[in-house]
């Protein structure tokens, strides 16, 4: 019922009161992500730390939008231009994530010592990039894998094996297996 939803768009999160009636309704995927991250403790109380994690999420979104732009291009020239822009921004993301991981003691966590919003976003990004986007660009794994630093591979492994994620992970297989092959 898209027309009946806030902004006429999906996805929508509906929380219900004890009597089953809608108590709280929000839309927009990133808004829902952030709300759930706050609700379940994946974002810290410190607003500056939250801003750093959300900033990293926004960079990840920009990189994702570049590959989506690539997929939508019709001409070889446009595809080449978009993929070059994607690679440039992807390199920035790799550098930023690797620095954060090193600065955090190379624990496999971008921030702190427990699973965070930023960790989950990074894992989802790499899962989407290396498993799902193969349909758009068959050689994407060959382009991306060599750029992944040992710190990022450790992050992927830490998230994938975290008990909070492991029990909810899709049956799509192991991302660690993809990046380690």
N, C-alpha and C. Protein backbone atom coordinates (compact mmCIF):
# COMPACT_ATOMS: atom_id res chain seq x y z
N UNK A 1 0.83 -1.18 0.00
CA UNK A 1 0.00 0.00 0.00
C UNK A 1 0.88 1.25 0.00
N UNK A 2 1.72 1.36 -0.98
CA UNK A 2 2.64 2.48 -1.05
C UNK A 2 1.96 3.85 -0.91
N UNK A 3 0.85 4.09 -1.62
CA UNK A 3 0.22 5.41 -1.52
C UNK A 3 -0.22 5.78 -0.10
N UNK A 4 -0.48 4.80 0.74
CA UNK A 4 -0.93 5.06 2.10
C UNK A 4 0.21 5.24 3.10
N UNK A 5 1.45 5.11 2.65
CA UNK A 5 2.60 5.19 3.54
C UNK A 5 3.13 6.62 3.63
N UNK A 6 3.88 6.90 4.69
CA UNK A 6 4.49 8.24 4.77
C UNK A 6 5.34 8.48 3.52
N UNK A 7 5.22 9.61 2.95
CA UNK A 7 5.93 10.01 1.73
C UNK A 7 5.53 9.16 0.53
N UNK A 8 4.57 8.26 0.67
CA UNK A 8 4.14 7.41 -0.43
C UNK A 8 5.24 6.45 -0.89
N UNK A 9 6.12 6.08 0.03
CA UNK A 9 7.29 5.25 -0.33
C UNK A 9 7.47 4.10 0.65
N UNK A 10 8.21 3.12 0.19
CA UNK A 10 8.62 2.00 1.01
C UNK A 10 10.14 2.02 1.10
N UNK A 11 10.75 1.48 2.09
CA UNK A 11 10.19 0.70 3.18
C UNK A 11 9.59 1.57 4.27
N UNK A 12 8.81 0.91 5.12
CA UNK A 12 8.16 1.56 6.25
C UNK A 12 8.35 0.67 7.47
N UNK A 13 8.61 1.30 8.59
CA UNK A 13 8.68 0.58 9.87
C UNK A 13 7.47 1.02 10.68
N UNK A 14 6.70 0.04 11.12
CA UNK A 14 5.51 0.31 11.94
C UNK A 14 5.70 -0.38 13.28
N UNK A 15 5.74 0.41 14.33
CA UNK A 15 5.75 -0.16 15.68
C UNK A 15 4.33 -0.07 16.20
N UNK A 16 3.92 -1.14 16.85
CA UNK A 16 2.54 -1.18 17.33
C UNK A 16 2.48 -1.10 18.85
N UNK A 17 1.39 -0.53 19.32
CA UNK A 17 1.16 -0.46 20.77
C UNK A 17 0.69 -1.82 21.25
N UNK A 18 0.51 -1.95 22.54
CA UNK A 18 0.11 -3.24 23.11
C UNK A 18 -1.24 -3.73 22.58
N UNK A 19 -2.09 -2.81 22.13
CA UNK A 19 -3.39 -3.23 21.59
C UNK A 19 -3.32 -3.57 20.09
N UNK A 20 -2.12 -3.47 19.50
CA UNK A 20 -1.95 -3.83 18.10
C UNK A 20 -2.12 -2.69 17.12
N UNK A 21 -2.50 -1.53 17.59
CA UNK A 21 -2.67 -0.39 16.69
C UNK A 21 -1.32 0.28 16.43
N UNK A 22 -1.17 0.87 15.25
CA UNK A 22 0.10 1.54 14.95
C UNK A 22 0.39 2.65 15.97
N UNK A 23 1.59 2.61 16.52
CA UNK A 23 1.99 3.57 17.54
C UNK A 23 3.01 4.56 16.98
N UNK A 24 3.82 4.07 16.05
CA UNK A 24 4.90 4.88 15.50
C UNK A 24 5.19 4.36 14.10
N UNK A 25 5.23 5.27 13.12
CA UNK A 25 5.47 4.88 11.72
C UNK A 25 6.52 5.81 11.14
N UNK A 26 7.57 5.20 10.56
CA UNK A 26 8.60 5.98 9.86
C UNK A 26 8.94 5.30 8.54
N UNK A 27 9.48 6.10 7.63
CA UNK A 27 9.90 5.55 6.34
C UNK A 27 11.31 6.05 6.01
N UNK A 28 11.80 5.67 4.85
CA UNK A 28 13.14 5.96 4.33
C UNK A 28 14.14 5.01 4.99
N UNK A 29 14.78 4.21 4.16
CA UNK A 29 15.62 3.13 4.65
C UNK A 29 16.72 3.58 5.60
N UNK A 30 17.42 4.65 5.29
CA UNK A 30 18.51 5.08 6.16
C UNK A 30 17.97 5.62 7.48
N UNK A 31 16.83 6.28 7.45
CA UNK A 31 16.19 6.74 8.67
C UNK A 31 15.81 5.54 9.56
N UNK A 32 15.25 4.52 8.95
CA UNK A 32 14.88 3.31 9.69
C UNK A 32 16.14 2.66 10.28
N UNK A 33 17.20 2.56 9.47
CA UNK A 33 18.48 2.00 9.96
C UNK A 33 18.95 2.72 11.21
N UNK A 34 19.00 4.03 11.12
CA UNK A 34 19.52 4.83 12.23
C UNK A 34 18.62 4.72 13.47
N UNK A 35 17.34 4.71 13.27
CA UNK A 35 16.42 4.55 14.38
C UNK A 35 16.65 3.21 15.08
N UNK A 36 16.74 2.14 14.28
CA UNK A 36 16.96 0.81 14.85
C UNK A 36 18.33 0.71 15.53
N UNK A 37 19.34 1.33 14.92
CA UNK A 37 20.68 1.32 15.52
C UNK A 37 20.66 1.98 16.89
N UNK A 38 19.94 3.09 17.00
CA UNK A 38 19.82 3.77 18.30
C UNK A 38 19.00 2.91 19.29
N UNK A 39 17.90 2.36 18.80
CA UNK A 39 17.01 1.57 19.64
C UNK A 39 17.73 0.37 20.24
N UNK A 40 18.57 -0.30 19.45
CA UNK A 40 19.20 -1.54 19.90
C UNK A 40 20.66 -1.35 20.34
N UNK A 41 21.07 -0.10 20.54
CA UNK A 41 22.37 0.16 21.14
C UNK A 41 23.57 0.02 20.23
N UNK A 42 23.38 0.11 18.93
CA UNK A 42 24.51 0.03 18.00
C UNK A 42 25.15 1.39 17.74
N UNK A 43 24.54 2.44 18.26
CA UNK A 43 25.13 3.78 18.21
C UNK A 43 25.39 4.23 19.64
N UNK A 44 26.51 4.90 19.87
CA UNK A 44 26.84 5.34 21.23
C UNK A 44 25.99 6.52 21.67
N UNK A 45 26.06 6.84 22.94
CA UNK A 45 25.33 7.98 23.48
C UNK A 45 26.00 9.30 23.08
N UNK A 46 27.31 9.29 22.92
CA UNK A 46 28.08 10.49 22.59
C UNK A 46 27.73 10.96 21.17
N UNK A 47 27.17 12.16 21.06
CA UNK A 47 26.72 12.67 19.76
C UNK A 47 27.85 12.83 18.75
N UNK A 48 29.05 13.14 19.21
CA UNK A 48 30.18 13.27 18.29
C UNK A 48 30.56 11.91 17.70
N UNK A 49 30.49 10.88 18.52
CA UNK A 49 30.77 9.52 18.02
C UNK A 49 29.67 9.06 17.06
N UNK A 50 28.44 9.43 17.36
CA UNK A 50 27.32 9.13 16.45
C UNK A 50 27.56 9.81 15.10
N UNK A 51 27.95 11.08 15.15
CA UNK A 51 28.19 11.84 13.91
C UNK A 51 29.29 11.19 13.08
N UNK A 52 30.33 10.68 13.72
CA UNK A 52 31.41 10.01 12.98
C UNK A 52 30.91 8.74 12.30
N UNK A 53 30.08 7.98 13.00
CA UNK A 53 29.53 6.75 12.39
C UNK A 53 28.57 7.09 11.25
N UNK A 54 27.74 8.09 11.45
CA UNK A 54 26.80 8.48 10.39
C UNK A 54 27.52 9.09 9.20
N UNK A 55 28.60 9.79 9.45
CA UNK A 55 29.42 10.34 8.37
C UNK A 55 29.99 9.20 7.51
N UNK A 56 30.45 8.14 8.17
CA UNK A 56 30.98 6.98 7.45
C UNK A 56 29.86 6.30 6.66
N UNK A 57 28.67 6.25 7.23
CA UNK A 57 27.52 5.69 6.52
C UNK A 57 27.24 6.50 5.26
N UNK A 58 27.31 7.81 5.36
CA UNK A 58 27.04 8.66 4.21
C UNK A 58 28.08 8.47 3.11
N UNK A 59 29.35 8.30 3.49
CA UNK A 59 30.39 8.02 2.50
C UNK A 59 30.12 6.68 1.81
N UNK A 60 29.71 5.69 2.59
CA UNK A 60 29.38 4.38 2.02
C UNK A 60 28.21 4.50 1.04
N UNK A 61 27.23 5.30 1.39
CA UNK A 61 26.09 5.53 0.49
C UNK A 61 26.55 6.18 -0.81
N UNK A 62 27.45 7.15 -0.72
CA UNK A 62 27.97 7.80 -1.92
C UNK A 62 28.67 6.80 -2.83
N UNK A 63 29.46 5.91 -2.24
CA UNK A 63 30.15 4.88 -3.04
C UNK A 63 29.11 3.97 -3.70
N UNK A 64 28.12 3.56 -2.94
CA UNK A 64 27.05 2.71 -3.49
C UNK A 64 26.32 3.40 -4.63
N UNK A 65 26.06 4.68 -4.47
CA UNK A 65 25.37 5.43 -5.54
C UNK A 65 26.19 5.49 -6.82
N UNK A 66 27.49 5.49 -6.70
CA UNK A 66 28.35 5.49 -7.90
C UNK A 66 28.19 4.18 -8.67
N UNK A 67 28.14 3.07 -7.98
CA UNK A 67 28.00 1.79 -8.69
C UNK A 67 26.59 1.65 -9.26
N UNK A 68 25.61 2.23 -8.59
CA UNK A 68 24.24 2.22 -9.13
C UNK A 68 24.21 3.09 -10.39
N UNK A 69 24.89 4.24 -10.34
CA UNK A 69 24.99 5.08 -11.54
C UNK A 69 25.63 4.34 -12.70
N UNK A 70 26.66 3.58 -12.40
CA UNK A 70 27.32 2.75 -13.42
C UNK A 70 26.31 1.79 -14.05
N UNK A 71 25.53 1.13 -13.22
CA UNK A 71 24.57 0.14 -13.71
C UNK A 71 23.50 0.78 -14.59
N UNK A 72 23.20 2.04 -14.37
CA UNK A 72 22.15 2.71 -15.12
C UNK A 72 22.64 3.32 -16.43
N UNK A 73 23.94 3.39 -16.62
CA UNK A 73 24.49 4.00 -17.83
C UNK A 73 24.22 3.12 -19.06
N UNK A 74 24.01 3.78 -20.16
CA UNK A 74 23.74 3.06 -21.41
C UNK A 74 25.01 2.90 -22.26
N UNK A 75 25.79 3.94 -22.37
CA UNK A 75 26.96 3.89 -23.26
C UNK A 75 28.20 3.39 -22.54
N UNK A 76 29.13 2.82 -23.31
CA UNK A 76 30.40 2.34 -22.76
C UNK A 76 31.19 3.49 -22.14
N UNK A 77 31.15 4.66 -22.79
CA UNK A 77 31.88 5.82 -22.28
C UNK A 77 31.35 6.24 -20.91
N UNK A 78 30.03 6.31 -20.81
CA UNK A 78 29.42 6.69 -19.53
C UNK A 78 29.73 5.65 -18.46
N UNK A 79 29.63 4.38 -18.83
CA UNK A 79 29.95 3.31 -17.87
C UNK A 79 31.39 3.43 -17.39
N UNK A 80 32.28 3.68 -18.32
CA UNK A 80 33.69 3.81 -17.96
C UNK A 80 33.90 4.99 -17.01
N UNK A 81 33.27 6.10 -17.30
CA UNK A 81 33.39 7.30 -16.46
C UNK A 81 32.83 7.04 -15.06
N UNK A 82 31.65 6.42 -14.99
CA UNK A 82 31.05 6.15 -13.69
C UNK A 82 31.87 5.16 -12.89
N UNK A 83 32.43 4.14 -13.57
CA UNK A 83 33.22 3.16 -12.84
C UNK A 83 34.51 3.78 -12.31
N UNK A 84 35.09 4.69 -13.07
CA UNK A 84 36.29 5.40 -12.60
C UNK A 84 35.95 6.23 -11.37
N UNK A 85 34.81 6.91 -11.40
CA UNK A 85 34.37 7.70 -10.23
C UNK A 85 34.11 6.79 -9.03
N UNK A 86 33.51 5.63 -9.30
CA UNK A 86 33.28 4.67 -8.23
C UNK A 86 34.61 4.23 -7.62
N UNK A 87 35.57 3.86 -8.46
CA UNK A 87 36.87 3.38 -7.96
C UNK A 87 37.57 4.45 -7.12
N UNK A 88 37.50 5.70 -7.57
CA UNK A 88 38.15 6.79 -6.83
C UNK A 88 37.53 6.95 -5.44
N UNK A 89 36.21 6.96 -5.37
CA UNK A 89 35.54 7.12 -4.09
C UNK A 89 35.69 5.86 -3.23
N UNK A 90 35.71 4.71 -3.87
CA UNK A 90 35.92 3.45 -3.15
C UNK A 90 37.30 3.45 -2.48
N UNK A 91 38.31 3.95 -3.19
CA UNK A 91 39.66 4.06 -2.61
C UNK A 91 39.63 4.94 -1.36
N UNK A 92 38.88 6.03 -1.41
CA UNK A 92 38.74 6.90 -0.24
C UNK A 92 38.11 6.14 0.92
N UNK A 93 37.04 5.40 0.64
CA UNK A 93 36.37 4.63 1.67
C UNK A 93 37.32 3.61 2.30
N UNK A 94 38.09 2.92 1.48
CA UNK A 94 39.05 1.93 1.97
C UNK A 94 40.06 2.60 2.90
N UNK A 95 40.58 3.76 2.48
CA UNK A 95 41.57 4.47 3.31
C UNK A 95 40.97 4.90 4.64
N UNK A 96 39.76 5.45 4.61
CA UNK A 96 39.10 5.92 5.82
C UNK A 96 38.83 4.74 6.76
N UNK A 97 38.25 3.67 6.23
CA UNK A 97 37.94 2.51 7.07
C UNK A 97 39.22 1.89 7.64
N UNK A 98 40.24 1.74 6.83
CA UNK A 98 41.49 1.14 7.30
C UNK A 98 42.11 1.97 8.40
N UNK A 99 42.11 3.30 8.25
CA UNK A 99 42.65 4.18 9.29
C UNK A 99 41.85 4.04 10.58
N UNK A 100 40.53 4.04 10.49
CA UNK A 100 39.69 3.88 11.68
C UNK A 100 39.97 2.54 12.37
N UNK A 101 40.09 1.49 11.59
CA UNK A 101 40.35 0.17 12.15
C UNK A 101 41.71 0.12 12.85
N UNK A 102 42.73 0.70 12.22
CA UNK A 102 44.06 0.73 12.84
C UNK A 102 44.03 1.59 14.10
N UNK A 103 43.40 2.76 14.02
CA UNK A 103 43.33 3.66 15.18
C UNK A 103 42.55 3.03 16.34
N UNK A 104 41.69 2.07 16.03
CA UNK A 104 40.90 1.39 17.06
C UNK A 104 41.59 0.10 17.53
N UNK A 105 42.87 -0.05 17.22
CA UNK A 105 43.63 -1.19 17.72
C UNK A 105 43.52 -2.44 16.87
N UNK A 106 43.05 -2.31 15.64
CA UNK A 106 42.90 -3.44 14.72
C UNK A 106 42.15 -4.61 15.37
N UNK A 107 41.02 -4.27 15.98
CA UNK A 107 40.19 -5.27 16.67
C UNK A 107 39.13 -5.89 15.75
N UNK A 108 39.03 -5.37 14.53
CA UNK A 108 37.94 -5.79 13.66
C UNK A 108 36.70 -4.95 13.88
N UNK A 109 36.83 -3.90 14.64
CA UNK A 109 35.73 -2.97 14.93
C UNK A 109 36.16 -1.57 14.51
N UNK A 110 35.26 -0.85 13.86
CA UNK A 110 35.55 0.51 13.43
C UNK A 110 35.55 1.48 14.62
N UNK A 111 34.67 1.24 15.57
CA UNK A 111 34.54 2.11 16.75
C UNK A 111 34.33 1.22 17.98
N UNK A 112 35.06 1.48 19.03
CA UNK A 112 34.85 0.77 20.29
C UNK A 112 35.20 -0.70 20.21
N UNK A 113 34.65 -1.46 21.16
CA UNK A 113 35.01 -2.87 21.25
C UNK A 113 33.83 -3.82 21.05
N UNK A 114 32.69 -3.27 20.64
CA UNK A 114 31.54 -4.14 20.36
C UNK A 114 30.94 -3.76 19.01
N UNK A 115 30.09 -4.62 18.52
CA UNK A 115 29.44 -4.41 17.22
C UNK A 115 28.76 -3.05 17.18
N UNK A 116 29.04 -2.28 16.12
CA UNK A 116 28.47 -0.94 15.99
C UNK A 116 27.69 -0.80 14.69
N UNK A 117 26.94 0.27 14.62
CA UNK A 117 26.22 0.62 13.40
C UNK A 117 27.17 0.67 12.21
N UNK A 118 28.32 1.31 12.39
CA UNK A 118 29.30 1.43 11.30
C UNK A 118 29.81 0.07 10.86
N UNK A 119 30.02 -0.85 11.79
CA UNK A 119 30.47 -2.21 11.44
C UNK A 119 29.42 -2.91 10.58
N UNK A 120 28.17 -2.81 11.01
CA UNK A 120 27.07 -3.47 10.29
C UNK A 120 26.93 -2.88 8.89
N UNK A 121 27.01 -1.56 8.79
CA UNK A 121 26.91 -0.90 7.48
C UNK A 121 28.05 -1.34 6.57
N UNK A 122 29.27 -1.40 7.10
CA UNK A 122 30.42 -1.82 6.29
C UNK A 122 30.22 -3.25 5.80
N UNK A 123 29.80 -4.13 6.68
CA UNK A 123 29.58 -5.52 6.30
C UNK A 123 28.51 -5.62 5.20
N UNK A 124 27.40 -4.93 5.40
CA UNK A 124 26.33 -4.94 4.40
C UNK A 124 26.79 -4.39 3.06
N UNK A 125 27.61 -3.35 3.11
CA UNK A 125 28.15 -2.76 1.88
C UNK A 125 29.00 -3.77 1.13
N UNK A 126 29.92 -4.43 1.81
CA UNK A 126 30.79 -5.40 1.14
C UNK A 126 30.01 -6.62 0.68
N UNK A 127 29.03 -7.04 1.45
CA UNK A 127 28.19 -8.16 1.04
C UNK A 127 27.46 -7.80 -0.26
N UNK A 128 26.88 -6.62 -0.29
CA UNK A 128 26.17 -6.18 -1.48
C UNK A 128 27.13 -6.05 -2.66
N UNK A 129 28.26 -5.44 -2.43
CA UNK A 129 29.23 -5.19 -3.49
C UNK A 129 29.80 -6.48 -4.06
N UNK A 130 30.19 -7.40 -3.20
CA UNK A 130 30.92 -8.59 -3.64
C UNK A 130 30.04 -9.80 -3.93
N UNK A 131 28.82 -9.79 -3.45
CA UNK A 131 27.95 -10.94 -3.69
C UNK A 131 26.80 -10.58 -4.63
N UNK A 132 26.12 -9.48 -4.36
CA UNK A 132 24.94 -9.12 -5.15
C UNK A 132 25.28 -8.42 -6.47
N UNK A 133 26.29 -7.54 -6.46
CA UNK A 133 26.57 -6.74 -7.66
C UNK A 133 27.30 -7.48 -8.76
N UNK A 134 27.62 -8.72 -8.50
CA UNK A 134 28.25 -9.55 -9.54
C UNK A 134 27.30 -9.64 -10.75
N UNK A 135 26.00 -9.52 -10.50
CA UNK A 135 25.02 -9.56 -11.59
C UNK A 135 25.13 -8.34 -12.50
N UNK A 136 25.59 -7.22 -11.94
CA UNK A 136 25.72 -5.98 -12.72
C UNK A 136 27.07 -5.91 -13.41
N UNK A 137 28.11 -6.31 -12.69
CA UNK A 137 29.47 -6.25 -13.22
C UNK A 137 30.17 -7.53 -12.79
N UNK A 138 30.25 -8.46 -13.71
CA UNK A 138 30.74 -9.81 -13.40
C UNK A 138 32.14 -9.82 -12.78
N UNK A 139 32.98 -8.89 -13.17
CA UNK A 139 34.36 -8.90 -12.66
C UNK A 139 34.56 -8.02 -11.42
N UNK A 140 33.48 -7.62 -10.77
CA UNK A 140 33.59 -6.71 -9.63
C UNK A 140 34.45 -7.30 -8.51
N UNK A 141 34.34 -8.60 -8.28
CA UNK A 141 35.13 -9.23 -7.22
C UNK A 141 36.62 -9.11 -7.54
N UNK A 142 36.98 -9.31 -8.81
CA UNK A 142 38.39 -9.21 -9.21
C UNK A 142 38.92 -7.79 -9.07
N UNK A 143 38.05 -6.81 -9.23
CA UNK A 143 38.45 -5.41 -9.12
C UNK A 143 38.57 -5.02 -7.64
N UNK A 144 37.65 -5.47 -6.82
CA UNK A 144 37.55 -5.03 -5.43
C UNK A 144 38.46 -5.81 -4.48
N UNK A 145 38.50 -7.12 -4.61
CA UNK A 145 39.24 -7.95 -3.64
C UNK A 145 40.68 -7.50 -3.40
N UNK A 146 41.45 -7.20 -4.43
CA UNK A 146 42.84 -6.81 -4.18
C UNK A 146 42.98 -5.50 -3.37
N UNK A 147 41.92 -4.70 -3.35
CA UNK A 147 41.98 -3.42 -2.64
C UNK A 147 41.62 -3.55 -1.17
N UNK A 148 41.06 -4.68 -0.79
CA UNK A 148 40.65 -4.86 0.61
C UNK A 148 41.90 -5.08 1.46
N UNK A 149 42.04 -4.27 2.48
CA UNK A 149 43.19 -4.38 3.36
C UNK A 149 42.94 -5.52 4.36
N UNK A 150 44.00 -6.04 4.97
CA UNK A 150 43.80 -7.07 6.00
C UNK A 150 42.88 -6.59 7.13
N UNK A 151 42.92 -5.31 7.43
CA UNK A 151 42.05 -4.75 8.48
C UNK A 151 40.59 -4.86 8.10
N UNK A 152 40.27 -4.61 6.83
CA UNK A 152 38.88 -4.70 6.38
C UNK A 152 38.42 -6.15 6.34
N UNK A 153 39.30 -7.04 5.91
CA UNK A 153 38.96 -8.47 5.92
C UNK A 153 38.68 -8.92 7.37
N UNK A 154 39.46 -8.42 8.31
CA UNK A 154 39.23 -8.75 9.72
C UNK A 154 37.88 -8.20 10.20
N UNK A 155 37.54 -6.98 9.77
CA UNK A 155 36.23 -6.39 10.10
C UNK A 155 35.11 -7.28 9.57
N UNK A 156 35.21 -7.69 8.32
CA UNK A 156 34.18 -8.56 7.71
C UNK A 156 34.03 -9.84 8.53
N UNK A 157 35.15 -10.44 8.89
CA UNK A 157 35.12 -11.67 9.68
C UNK A 157 34.51 -11.43 11.06
N UNK A 158 34.91 -10.33 11.71
CA UNK A 158 34.40 -10.02 13.05
C UNK A 158 32.88 -9.82 13.04
N UNK A 159 32.38 -9.14 12.02
CA UNK A 159 30.93 -8.92 11.94
C UNK A 159 30.22 -10.23 11.63
N UNK A 160 30.74 -10.96 10.64
CA UNK A 160 30.08 -12.18 10.21
C UNK A 160 30.01 -13.22 11.33
N UNK A 161 30.99 -13.24 12.20
CA UNK A 161 31.02 -14.24 13.27
C UNK A 161 30.48 -13.70 14.60
N UNK A 162 30.06 -12.45 14.63
CA UNK A 162 29.46 -11.90 15.85
C UNK A 162 28.15 -12.63 16.12
N UNK A 163 27.95 -13.11 17.35
CA UNK A 163 26.72 -13.85 17.65
C UNK A 163 25.44 -13.08 17.33
N UNK A 164 25.46 -11.75 17.45
CA UNK A 164 24.27 -10.97 17.14
C UNK A 164 23.93 -11.01 15.65
N UNK A 165 24.95 -11.17 14.82
CA UNK A 165 24.75 -11.19 13.37
C UNK A 165 24.58 -12.61 12.88
N UNK A 166 25.38 -13.51 13.40
CA UNK A 166 25.42 -14.88 12.92
C UNK A 166 24.04 -15.54 12.88
N UNK A 167 23.24 -15.31 13.90
CA UNK A 167 21.93 -15.96 13.94
C UNK A 167 20.91 -15.33 13.00
N UNK A 168 21.21 -14.11 12.50
CA UNK A 168 20.27 -13.43 11.61
C UNK A 168 20.78 -13.34 10.17
N UNK A 169 21.99 -13.79 9.96
CA UNK A 169 22.63 -13.68 8.65
C UNK A 169 21.85 -14.47 7.60
N UNK A 170 21.82 -13.93 6.40
CA UNK A 170 21.11 -14.62 5.33
C UNK A 170 21.81 -15.92 5.00
N UNK A 171 21.13 -16.76 4.33
CA UNK A 171 21.70 -18.04 3.93
C UNK A 171 22.54 -17.93 2.67
N UNK A 172 22.90 -16.71 2.32
CA UNK A 172 23.64 -16.45 1.09
C UNK A 172 25.09 -16.88 1.13
N UNK A 173 25.55 -17.41 2.23
CA UNK A 173 26.92 -17.87 2.32
C UNK A 173 27.80 -16.89 3.05
N UNK A 174 29.06 -17.21 3.07
CA UNK A 174 30.03 -16.45 3.84
C UNK A 174 30.73 -15.42 3.00
N UNK A 175 30.71 -14.17 3.45
CA UNK A 175 31.45 -13.12 2.78
C UNK A 175 32.94 -13.32 3.03
N UNK A 176 33.30 -13.84 4.18
CA UNK A 176 34.71 -14.14 4.48
C UNK A 176 35.25 -15.10 3.43
N UNK A 177 34.46 -16.09 3.05
CA UNK A 177 34.90 -17.05 2.03
C UNK A 177 35.13 -16.35 0.69
N UNK A 178 34.31 -15.37 0.36
CA UNK A 178 34.46 -14.64 -0.90
C UNK A 178 35.75 -13.82 -0.89
N UNK A 179 36.02 -13.11 0.20
CA UNK A 179 37.20 -12.24 0.22
C UNK A 179 38.49 -13.01 0.47
N UNK A 180 38.37 -14.23 1.00
CA UNK A 180 39.56 -15.03 1.28
C UNK A 180 39.94 -15.97 0.14
N UNK A 181 39.03 -16.19 -0.78
CA UNK A 181 39.27 -17.13 -1.89
C UNK A 181 40.30 -16.61 -2.87
